[in-house]
Amino acid sequence: MIPENCIWLFIADVPSAAFTDKEEAEEWIIKNKLSGVLTAFPLGISCFDWSIENNALTIRAEKIEEKKSDPNFIASCLPASLEHFHYRNGIKD
């Protein structure tokens, strides 16, 4: 799922680049033979809040309510439903 308003982040061990255009990101990844993950992150909203709004969390409703007060969960929430691509040495897996 690609958020309507998003930025593409390339993450290896840490985030290393941000692009507004997926094709630009892929050109950079290929040119530099990089390994990592390119993910579409929503802009102006946390991944946690975006996930709730888009029913992208695969946990029960009562568990979501519990997680709304868990700073660690909110800070680390990265739903698998966000569009993402894996690369190894610049080649998409």
PDB file of N, CA and C in Angstrom:
ATOM      1  N   MET A   1       0.844  -1.163   0.000  1.00  0.00           N
ATOM      2  CA  MET A   1       0.000   0.000   0.000  1.00  0.00           C
ATOM      3  C   MET A   1       0.900   1.240   0.000  1.00  0.00           C
ATOM      4  N   ILE A   2       0.663   2.134  -0.913  1.00  0.00           N
ATOM      5  CA  ILE A   2       1.455   3.365  -0.987  1.00  0.00           C
ATOM      6  C   ILE A   2       0.623   4.513  -0.410  1.00  0.00           C
ATOM      7  N   PRO A   3       1.111   5.162   0.642  1.00  0.00           N
ATOM      8  CA  PRO A   3       0.385   6.317   1.180  1.00  0.00           C
ATOM      9  C   PRO A   3       0.233   7.393   0.108  1.00  0.00           C
ATOM     10  N   GLU A   4      -0.896   8.088   0.143  1.00  0.00           N
ATOM     11  CA  GLU A   4      -1.177   9.117  -0.863  1.00  0.00           C
ATOM     12  C   GLU A   4      -0.077  10.174  -0.911  1.00  0.00           C
ATOM     13  N   ASN A   5       0.356  10.619   0.232  1.00  0.00           N
ATOM     14  CA  ASN A   5       1.420  11.614   0.338  1.00  0.00           C
ATOM     15  C   ASN A   5       2.581  10.921   1.042  1.00  0.00           C
ATOM     16  N   CYS A   6       3.630  10.556   0.272  1.00  0.00           N
ATOM     17  CA  CYS A   6       4.691   9.760   0.883  1.00  0.00           C
ATOM     18  C   CYS A   6       6.076  10.219   0.459  1.00  0.00           C
ATOM     19  N   ILE A   7       7.022   9.683   1.187  1.00  0.00           N
ATOM     20  CA  ILE A   7       8.438   9.851   0.873  1.00  0.00           C
ATOM     21  C   ILE A   7       9.028   8.442   0.853  1.00  0.00           C
ATOM     22  N   TRP A   8       9.939   8.203  -0.063  1.00  0.00           N
ATOM     23  CA  TRP A   8      10.606   6.900  -0.161  1.00  0.00           C
ATOM     24  C   TRP A   8      11.910   6.961   0.606  1.00  0.00           C
ATOM     25  N   LEU A   9      12.039   6.138   1.637  1.00  0.00           N
ATOM     26  CA  LEU A   9      13.263   6.086   2.420  1.00  0.00           C
ATOM     27  C   LEU A   9      14.024   4.809   2.104  1.00  0.00           C
ATOM     28  N   PHE A  10      15.328   4.969   1.895  1.00  0.00           N
ATOM     29  CA  PHE A  10      16.187   3.797   1.730  1.00  0.00           C
ATOM     30  C   PHE A  10      16.870   3.548   3.053  1.00  0.00           C
ATOM     31  N   ILE A  11      16.731   2.315   3.553  1.00  0.00           N
ATOM     32  CA  ILE A  11      17.295   1.970   4.850  1.00  0.00           C
ATOM     33  C   ILE A  11      18.162   0.733   4.688  1.00  0.00           C
ATOM     34  N   ALA A  12      19.429   0.866   5.092  1.00  0.00           N
ATOM     35  CA  ALA A  12      20.325  -0.290   5.176  1.00  0.00           C
ATOM     36  C   ALA A  12      20.400  -0.586   6.667  1.00  0.00           C
ATOM     37  N   ASP A  13      21.458  -0.205   7.331  1.00  0.00           N
ATOM     38  CA  ASP A  13      21.482  -0.312   8.800  1.00  0.00           C
ATOM     39  C   ASP A  13      20.744   0.871   9.412  1.00  0.00           C
ATOM     40  N   VAL A  14      20.815   1.988   8.736  1.00  0.00           N
ATOM     41  CA  VAL A  14      20.138   3.228   9.155  1.00  0.00           C
ATOM     42  C   VAL A  14      19.552   3.875   7.907  1.00  0.00           C
ATOM     43  N   PRO A  15      18.596   4.782   8.069  1.00  0.00           N
ATOM     44  CA  PRO A  15      18.111   5.506   6.886  1.00  0.00           C
ATOM     45  C   PRO A  15      19.268   6.277   6.262  1.00  0.00           C
ATOM     46  N   SER A  16      19.422   6.159   4.935  1.00  0.00           N
ATOM     47  CA  SER A  16      20.552   6.825   4.286  1.00  0.00           C
ATOM     48  C   SER A  16      20.148   7.750   3.153  1.00  0.00           C
ATOM     49  N   ALA A  17      18.874   7.704   2.739  1.00  0.00           N
ATOM     50  CA  ALA A  17      18.434   8.598   1.667  1.00  0.00           C
ATOM     51  C   ALA A  17      16.915   8.704   1.685  1.00  0.00           C
ATOM     52  N   ALA A  18      16.444   9.865   1.231  1.00  0.00           N
ATOM     53  CA  ALA A  18      15.001  10.113   1.134  1.00  0.00           C
ATOM     54  C   ALA A  18      14.709  10.691  -0.242  1.00  0.00           C
ATOM     55  N   PHE A  19      13.672  10.166  -0.872  1.00  0.00           N
ATOM     56  CA  PHE A  19      13.290  10.596  -2.211  1.00  0.00           C
ATOM     57  C   PHE A  19      11.786  10.814  -2.276  1.00  0.00           C
ATOM     58  N   THR A  20      11.373  11.749  -3.113  1.00  0.00           N
ATOM     59  CA  THR A  20       9.938  11.920  -3.358  1.00  0.00           C
ATOM     60  C   THR A  20       9.496  11.087  -4.548  1.00  0.00           C
ATOM     61  N   ASP A  21      10.458  10.569  -5.304  1.00  0.00           N
ATOM     62  CA  ASP A  21      10.157   9.800  -6.502  1.00  0.00           C
ATOM     63  C   ASP A  21      10.807   8.417  -6.408  1.00  0.00           C
ATOM     64  N   LYS A  22      10.013   7.371  -6.516  1.00  0.00           N
ATOM     65  CA  LYS A  22      10.517   6.004  -6.402  1.00  0.00           C
ATOM     66  C   LYS A  22      11.547   5.686  -7.476  1.00  0.00           C
ATOM     67  N   GLU A  23      11.313   6.141  -8.700  1.00  0.00           N
ATOM     68  CA  GLU A  23      12.243   5.842  -9.789  1.00  0.00           C
ATOM     69  C   GLU A  23      13.617   6.458  -9.527  1.00  0.00           C
ATOM     70  N   GLU A  24      13.643   7.678  -8.990  1.00  0.00           N
ATOM     71  CA  GLU A  24      14.928   8.311  -8.631  1.00  0.00           C
ATOM     72  C   GLU A  24      15.642   7.484  -7.581  1.00  0.00           C
ATOM     73  N   ALA A  25      14.890   7.018  -6.599  1.00  0.00           N
ATOM     74  CA  ALA A  25      15.474   6.201  -5.541  1.00  0.00           C
ATOM     75  C   ALA A  25      16.092   4.936  -6.126  1.00  0.00           C
ATOM     76  N   GLU A  26      15.360   4.268  -7.002  1.00  0.00           N
ATOM     77  CA  GLU A  26      15.868   3.032  -7.587  1.00  0.00           C
ATOM     78  C   GLU A  26      17.103   3.272  -8.448  1.00  0.00           C
ATOM     79  N   GLU A  27      17.146   4.373  -9.183  1.00  0.00           N
ATOM     80  CA  GLU A  27      18.333   4.706  -9.976  1.00  0.00           C
ATOM     81  C   GLU A  27      19.548   4.841  -9.072  1.00  0.00           C
ATOM     82  N   TRP A  28      19.370   5.522  -7.941  1.00  0.00           N
ATOM     83  CA  TRP A  28      20.453   5.738  -6.980  1.00  0.00           C
ATOM     84  C   TRP A  28      20.905   4.404  -6.379  1.00  0.00           C
ATOM     85  N   ILE A  29      19.953   3.559  -6.036  1.00  0.00           N
ATOM     86  CA  ILE A  29      20.266   2.243  -5.454  1.00  0.00           C
ATOM     87  C   ILE A  29      21.049   1.390  -6.449  1.00  0.00           C
ATOM     88  N   ILE A  30      20.581   1.348  -7.695  1.00  0.00           N
ATOM     89  CA  ILE A  30      21.242   0.552  -8.737  1.00  0.00           C
ATOM     90  C   ILE A  30      22.646   1.087  -9.014  1.00  0.00           C
ATOM     91  N   LYS A  31      22.749   2.410  -9.194  1.00  0.00           N
ATOM     92  CA  LYS A  31      24.040   3.040  -9.508  1.00  0.00           C
ATOM     93  C   LYS A  31      25.087   2.733  -8.448  1.00  0.00           C
ATOM     94  N   ASN A  32      24.661   2.710  -7.182  1.00  0.00           N
ATOM     95  CA  ASN A  32      25.600   2.503  -6.086  1.00  0.00           C
ATOM     96  C   ASN A  32      25.660   1.066  -5.579  1.00  0.00           C
ATOM     97  N   LYS A  33      24.922   0.166  -6.262  1.00  0.00           N
ATOM     98  CA  LYS A  33      24.926  -1.261  -5.923  1.00  0.00           C
ATOM     99  C   LYS A  33      24.654  -1.491  -4.440  1.00  0.00           C
ATOM    100  N   LEU A  34      23.583  -0.867  -3.961  1.00  0.00           N
ATOM    101  CA  LEU A  34      23.269  -0.889  -2.539  1.00  0.00           C
ATOM    102  C   LEU A  34      22.409  -2.082  -2.145  1.00  0.00           C
ATOM    103  N   SER A  35      22.506  -2.429  -0.872  1.00  0.00           N
ATOM    104  CA  SER A  35      21.668  -3.471  -0.273  1.00  0.00           C
ATOM    105  C   SER A  35      20.878  -2.840   0.865  1.00  0.00           C
ATOM    106  N   GLY A  36      19.584  -3.085   0.866  1.00  0.00           N
ATOM    107  CA  GLY A  36      18.723  -2.529   1.901  1.00  0.00           C
ATOM    108  C   GLY A  36      17.275  -2.571   1.455  1.00  0.00           C
ATOM    109  N   VAL A  37      16.450  -1.753   2.099  1.00  0.00           N
ATOM    110  CA  VAL A  37      15.019  -1.737   1.830  1.00  0.00           C
ATOM    111  C   VAL A  37      14.580  -0.318   1.488  1.00  0.00           C
ATOM    112  N   LEU A  38      13.796  -0.194   0.424  1.00  0.00           N
ATOM    113  CA  LEU A  38      13.197   1.074   0.016  1.00  0.00           C
ATOM    114  C   LEU A  38      11.719   1.005   0.408  1.00  0.00           C
ATOM    115  N   THR A  39      11.281   1.943   1.254  1.00  0.00           N
ATOM    116  CA  THR A  39       9.922   1.900   1.792  1.00  0.00           C
ATOM    117  C   THR A  39       9.226   3.245   1.615  1.00  0.00           C
ATOM    118  N   ALA A  40       7.940   3.193   1.265  1.00  0.00           N
ATOM    119  CA  ALA A  40       7.111   4.393   1.153  1.00  0.00           C
ATOM    120  C   ALA A  40       6.576   4.736   2.540  1.00  0.00           C
ATOM    121  N   PHE A  41       7.048   5.853   3.104  1.00  0.00           N
ATOM    122  CA  PHE A  41       6.596   6.307   4.415  1.00  0.00           C
ATOM    123  C   PHE A  41       5.590   7.439   4.233  1.00  0.00           C
ATOM    124  N   PRO A  42       4.504   7.424   5.004  1.00  0.00           N
ATOM    125  CA  PRO A  42       3.537   8.517   4.913  1.00  0.00           C
ATOM    126  C   PRO A  42       4.148   9.817   5.447  1.00  0.00           C
ATOM    127  N   LEU A  43       3.790  10.939   4.838  1.00  0.00           N
ATOM    128  CA  LEU A  43       4.266  12.248   5.285  1.00  0.00           C
ATOM    129  C   LEU A  43       3.200  12.911   6.147  1.00  0.00           C
ATOM    130  N   GLY A  44       3.644  13.582   7.198  1.00  0.00           N
ATOM    131  CA  GLY A  44       2.736  14.354   8.036  1.00  0.00           C
ATOM    132  C   GLY A  44       1.909  13.528   9.000  1.00  0.00           C
ATOM    133  N   ILE A  45       2.224  12.244   9.111  1.00  0.00           N
ATOM    134  CA  ILE A  45       1.503  11.365  10.030  1.00  0.00           C
ATOM    135  C   ILE A  45       2.428  10.210  10.386  1.00  0.00           C
ATOM    136  N   SER A  46       2.323   9.739  11.608  1.00  0.00           N
ATOM    137  CA  SER A  46       3.174   8.614  12.010  1.00  0.00           C
ATOM    138  C   SER A  46       2.706   7.336  11.321  1.00  0.00           C
ATOM    139  N   CYS A  47       3.616   6.394  11.204  1.00  0.00           N
ATOM    140  CA  CYS A  47       3.242   5.094  10.634  1.00  0.00           C
ATOM    141  C   CYS A  47       2.168   4.435  11.489  1.00  0.00           C
ATOM    142  N   PHE A  48       2.251   4.611  12.803  1.00  0.00           N
ATOM    143  CA  PHE A  48       1.253   4.042  13.703  1.00  0.00           C
ATOM    144  C   PHE A  48      -0.130   4.622  13.412  1.00  0.00           C
ATOM    145  N   ASP A  49      -0.233   5.956  13.383  1.00  0.00           N
ATOM    146  CA  ASP A  49      -1.531   6.583  13.128  1.00  0.00           C
ATOM    147  C   ASP A  49      -2.035   6.262  11.717  1.00  0.00           C
ATOM    148  N   TRP A  50      -1.136   6.258  10.733  1.00  0.00           N
ATOM    149  CA  TRP A  50      -1.522   5.911   9.369  1.00  0.00           C
ATOM    150  C   TRP A  50      -2.065   4.488   9.322  1.00  0.00           C
ATOM    151  N   SER A  51      -1.411   3.578  10.054  1.00  0.00           N
ATOM    152  CA  SER A  51      -1.837   2.181  10.092  1.00  0.00           C
ATOM    153  C   SER A  51      -3.237   2.039  10.674  1.00  0.00           C
ATOM    154  N   ILE A  52      -3.517   2.791  11.714  1.00  0.00           N
ATOM    155  CA  ILE A  52      -4.849   2.746  12.319  1.00  0.00           C
ATOM    156  C   ILE A  52      -5.885   3.277  11.330  1.00  0.00           C
ATOM    157  N   GLU A  53      -5.594   4.419  10.707  1.00  0.00           N
ATOM    158  CA  GLU A  53      -6.526   5.015   9.753  1.00  0.00           C
ATOM    159  C   GLU A  53      -6.789   4.125   8.547  1.00  0.00           C
ATOM    160  N   ASN A  54      -5.815   3.298   8.179  1.00  0.00           N
ATOM    161  CA  ASN A  54      -5.925   2.464   6.977  1.00  0.00           C
ATOM    162  C   ASN A  54      -6.108   0.979   7.288  1.00  0.00           C
ATOM    163  N   ASN A  55      -6.453   0.679   8.537  1.00  0.00           N
ATOM    164  CA  ASN A  55      -6.651  -0.715   8.960  1.00  0.00           C
ATOM    165  C   ASN A  55      -5.488  -1.610   8.528  1.00  0.00           C
ATOM    166  N   ALA A  56      -4.275  -1.112   8.732  1.00  0.00           N
ATOM    167  CA  ALA A  56      -3.092  -1.830   8.271  1.00  0.00           C
ATOM    168  C   ALA A  56      -2.399  -2.628   9.374  1.00  0.00           C
ATOM    169  N   LEU A  57      -2.908  -2.537  10.588  1.00  0.00           N
ATOM    170  CA  LEU A  57      -2.321  -3.327  11.670  1.00  0.00           C
ATOM    171  C   LEU A  57      -3.027  -4.676  11.738  1.00  0.00           C
ATOM    172  N   THR A  58      -2.255  -5.719  11.894  1.00  0.00           N
ATOM    173  CA  THR A  58      -2.831  -7.059  11.906  1.00  0.00           C
ATOM    174  C   THR A  58      -2.985  -7.567  13.343  1.00  0.00           C
ATOM    175  N   ILE A  59      -3.422  -6.674  14.217  1.00  0.00           N
ATOM    176  CA  ILE A  59      -3.671  -7.069  15.601  1.00  0.00           C
ATOM    177  C   ILE A  59      -5.113  -6.717  15.955  1.00  0.00           C
ATOM    178  N   ARG A  60      -5.639  -7.400  16.950  1.00  0.00           N
ATOM    179  CA  ARG A  60      -7.025  -7.202  17.378  1.00  0.00           C
ATOM    180  C   ARG A  60      -7.271  -5.774  17.844  1.00  0.00           C
ATOM    181  N   ALA A  61      -8.499  -5.326  17.706  1.00  0.00           N
ATOM    182  CA  ALA A  61      -8.884  -3.956  18.082  1.00  0.00           C
ATOM    183  C   ALA A  61      -8.540  -3.648  19.534  1.00  0.00           C
ATOM    184  N   GLU A  62      -8.782  -4.580  20.436  1.00  0.00           N
ATOM    185  CA  GLU A  62      -8.476  -4.323  21.852  1.00  0.00           C
ATOM    186  C   GLU A  62      -6.970  -4.202  22.078  1.00  0.00           C
ATOM    187  N   LYS A  63      -6.172  -4.910  21.283  1.00  0.00           N
ATOM    188  CA  LYS A  63      -4.718  -4.802  21.382  1.00  0.00           C
ATOM    189  C   LYS A  63      -4.246  -3.453  20.846  1.00  0.00           C
ATOM    190  N   ILE A  64      -4.898  -2.960  19.785  1.00  0.00           N
ATOM    191  CA  ILE A  64      -4.566  -1.632  19.254  1.00  0.00           C
ATOM    192  C   ILE A  64      -4.804  -0.582  20.324  1.00  0.00           C
ATOM    193  N   GLU A  65      -5.927  -0.670  21.026  1.00  0.00           N
ATOM    194  CA  GLU A  65      -6.219   0.286  22.104  1.00  0.00           C
ATOM    195  C   GLU A  65      -5.126   0.253  23.163  1.00  0.00           C
ATOM    196  N   GLU A  66      -4.653  -0.927  23.488  1.00  0.00           N
ATOM    197  CA  GLU A  66      -3.572  -1.081  24.468  1.00  0.00           C
ATOM    198  C   GLU A  66      -2.284  -0.437  23.937  1.00  0.00           C
ATOM    199  N   LYS A  67      -1.992  -0.658  22.668  1.00  0.00           N
ATOM    200  CA  LYS A  67      -0.750  -0.159  22.069  1.00  0.00           C
ATOM    201  C   LYS A  67      -0.740   1.360  21.917  1.00  0.00           C
ATOM    202  N   LYS A  68      -1.912   1.993  21.911  1.00  0.00           N
ATOM    203  CA  LYS A  68      -1.985   3.457  21.789  1.00  0.00           C
ATOM    204  C   LYS A  68      -1.295   4.177  22.941  1.00  0.00           C
ATOM    205  N   SER A  69      -1.055   3.471  24.041  1.00  0.00           N
ATOM    206  CA  SER A  69      -0.360   4.088  25.175  1.00  0.00           C
ATOM    207  C   SER A  69       1.040   3.501  25.380  1.00  0.00           C
ATOM    208  N   ASP A  70       1.554   2.836  24.366  1.00  0.00           N
ATOM    209  CA  ASP A  70       2.879   2.219  24.446  1.00  0.00           C
ATOM    210  C   ASP A  70       3.852   2.974  23.541  1.00  0.00           C
ATOM    211  N   PRO A  71       4.656   3.887  24.118  1.00  0.00           N
ATOM    212  CA  PRO A  71       5.576   4.692  23.306  1.00  0.00           C
ATOM    213  C   PRO A  71       6.535   3.862  22.462  1.00  0.00           C
ATOM    214  N   ASN A  72       7.006   2.741  22.991  1.00  0.00           N
ATOM    215  CA  ASN A  72       7.937   1.900  22.225  1.00  0.00           C
ATOM    216  C   ASN A  72       7.273   1.309  20.991  1.00  0.00           C
ATOM    217  N   PHE A  73       6.028   0.868  21.126  1.00  0.00           N
ATOM    218  CA  PHE A  73       5.314   0.311  19.979  1.00  0.00           C
ATOM    219  C   PHE A  73       5.043   1.401  18.939  1.00  0.00           C
ATOM    220  N   ILE A  74       4.579   2.548  19.402  1.00  0.00           N
ATOM    221  CA  ILE A  74       4.277   3.662  18.492  1.00  0.00           C
ATOM    222  C   ILE A  74       5.530   4.065  17.727  1.00  0.00           C
ATOM    223  N   ALA A  75       6.656   4.167  18.422  1.00  0.00           N
ATOM    224  CA  ALA A  75       7.906   4.606  17.790  1.00  0.00           C
ATOM    225  C   ALA A  75       8.466   3.587  16.810  1.00  0.00           C
ATOM    226  N   SER A  76       8.159   2.313  17.015  1.00  0.00           N
ATOM    227  CA  SER A  76       8.745   1.282  16.156  1.00  0.00           C
ATOM    228  C   SER A  76       7.748   0.690  15.162  1.00  0.00           C
ATOM    229  N   CYS A  77       6.555   1.222  15.113  1.00  0.00           N
ATOM    230  CA  CYS A  77       5.517   0.672  14.236  1.00  0.00           C
ATOM    231  C   CYS A  77       5.882   0.902  12.770  1.00  0.00           C
ATOM    232  N   LEU A  78       6.004  -0.186  12.043  1.00  0.00           N
ATOM    233  CA  LEU A  78       6.267  -0.142  10.610  1.00  0.00           C
ATOM    234  C   LEU A  78       5.487  -1.290   9.967  1.00  0.00           C
ATOM    235  N   PRO A  79       4.259  -0.997   9.524  1.00  0.00           N
ATOM    236  CA  PRO A  79       3.411  -2.074   9.005  1.00  0.00           C
ATOM    237  C   PRO A  79       3.967  -2.683   7.720  1.00  0.00           C
ATOM    238  N   ALA A  80       3.874  -3.990   7.612  1.00  0.00           N
ATOM    239  CA  ALA A  80       4.346  -4.701   6.423  1.00  0.00           C
ATOM    240  C   ALA A  80       3.542  -4.322   5.187  1.00  0.00           C
ATOM    241  N   SER A  81       2.355  -3.743   5.388  1.00  0.00           N
ATOM    242  CA  SER A  81       1.517  -3.375   4.241  1.00  0.00           C
ATOM    243  C   SER A  81       2.024  -2.134   3.515  1.00  0.00           C
ATOM    244  N   LEU A  82       2.956  -1.370   4.138  1.00  0.00           N
ATOM    245  CA  LEU A  82       3.549  -0.245   3.417  1.00  0.00           C
ATOM    246  C   LEU A  82       4.359  -0.797   2.252  1.00  0.00           C
ATOM    247  N   GLU A  83       4.224  -0.174   1.100  1.00  0.00           N
ATOM    248  CA  GLU A  83       4.960  -0.617  -0.092  1.00  0.00           C
ATOM    249  C   GLU A  83       6.457  -0.572   0.204  1.00  0.00           C
ATOM    250  N   HIS A  84       7.133  -1.678  -0.049  1.00  0.00           N
ATOM    251  CA  HIS A  84       8.572  -1.733   0.196  1.00  0.00           C
ATOM    252  C   HIS A  84       9.216  -2.755  -0.734  1.00  0.00           C
ATOM    253  N   PHE A  85      10.498  -2.513  -1.007  1.00  0.00           N
ATOM    254  CA  PHE A  85      11.253  -3.366  -1.916  1.00  0.00           C
ATOM    255  C   PHE A  85      12.628  -3.631  -1.317  1.00  0.00           C
ATOM    256  N   HIS A  86      13.081  -4.870  -1.432  1.00  0.00           N
ATOM    257  CA  HIS A  86      14.384  -5.277  -0.939  1.00  0.00           C
ATOM    258  C   HIS A  86      15.382  -5.295  -2.102  1.00  0.00           C
ATOM    259  N   TYR A  87      16.597  -4.841  -1.823  1.00  0.00           N
ATOM    260  CA  TYR A  87      17.669  -4.813  -2.829  1.00  0.00           C
ATOM    261  C   TYR A  87      18.911  -5.467  -2.265  1.00  0.00           C
ATOM    262  N   ARG A  88      19.622  -6.162  -3.129  1.00  0.00           N
ATOM    263  CA  ARG A  88      20.897  -6.736  -2.781  1.00  0.00           C
ATOM    264  C   ARG A  88      21.881  -6.370  -3.874  1.00  0.00           C
ATOM    265  N   ASN A  89      22.899  -5.606  -3.528  1.00  0.00           N
ATOM    266  CA  ASN A  89      23.903  -5.143  -4.494  1.00  0.00           C
ATOM    267  C   ASN A  89      23.249  -4.425  -5.681  1.00  0.00           C
ATOM    268  N   GLY A  90      22.219  -3.646  -5.382  1.00  0.00           N
ATOM    269  CA  GLY A  90      21.547  -2.856  -6.418  1.00  0.00           C
ATOM    270  C   GLY A  90      20.494  -3.606  -7.219  1.00  0.00           C
ATOM    271  N   ILE A  91      20.299  -4.865  -6.905  1.00  0.00           N
ATOM    272  CA  ILE A  91      19.317  -5.676  -7.637  1.00  0.00           C
ATOM    273  C   ILE A  91      18.121  -5.950  -6.732  1.00  0.00           C
ATOM    274  N   LYS A  92      16.923  -5.690  -7.274  1.00  0.00           N
ATOM    275  CA  LYS A  92      15.699  -5.914  -6.510  1.00  0.00           C
ATOM    276  C   LYS A  92      15.501  -7.408  -6.299  1.00  0.00           C
ATOM    277  N   ASP A  93      15.294  -7.799  -5.028  1.00  0.00           N
ATOM    278  CA  ASP A  93      15.019  -9.217  -4.695  1.00  0.00           C
ATOM    279  C   ASP A  93      13.635  -9.601  -5.136  1.00  0.00           C
TER     280      ASP A  93
END
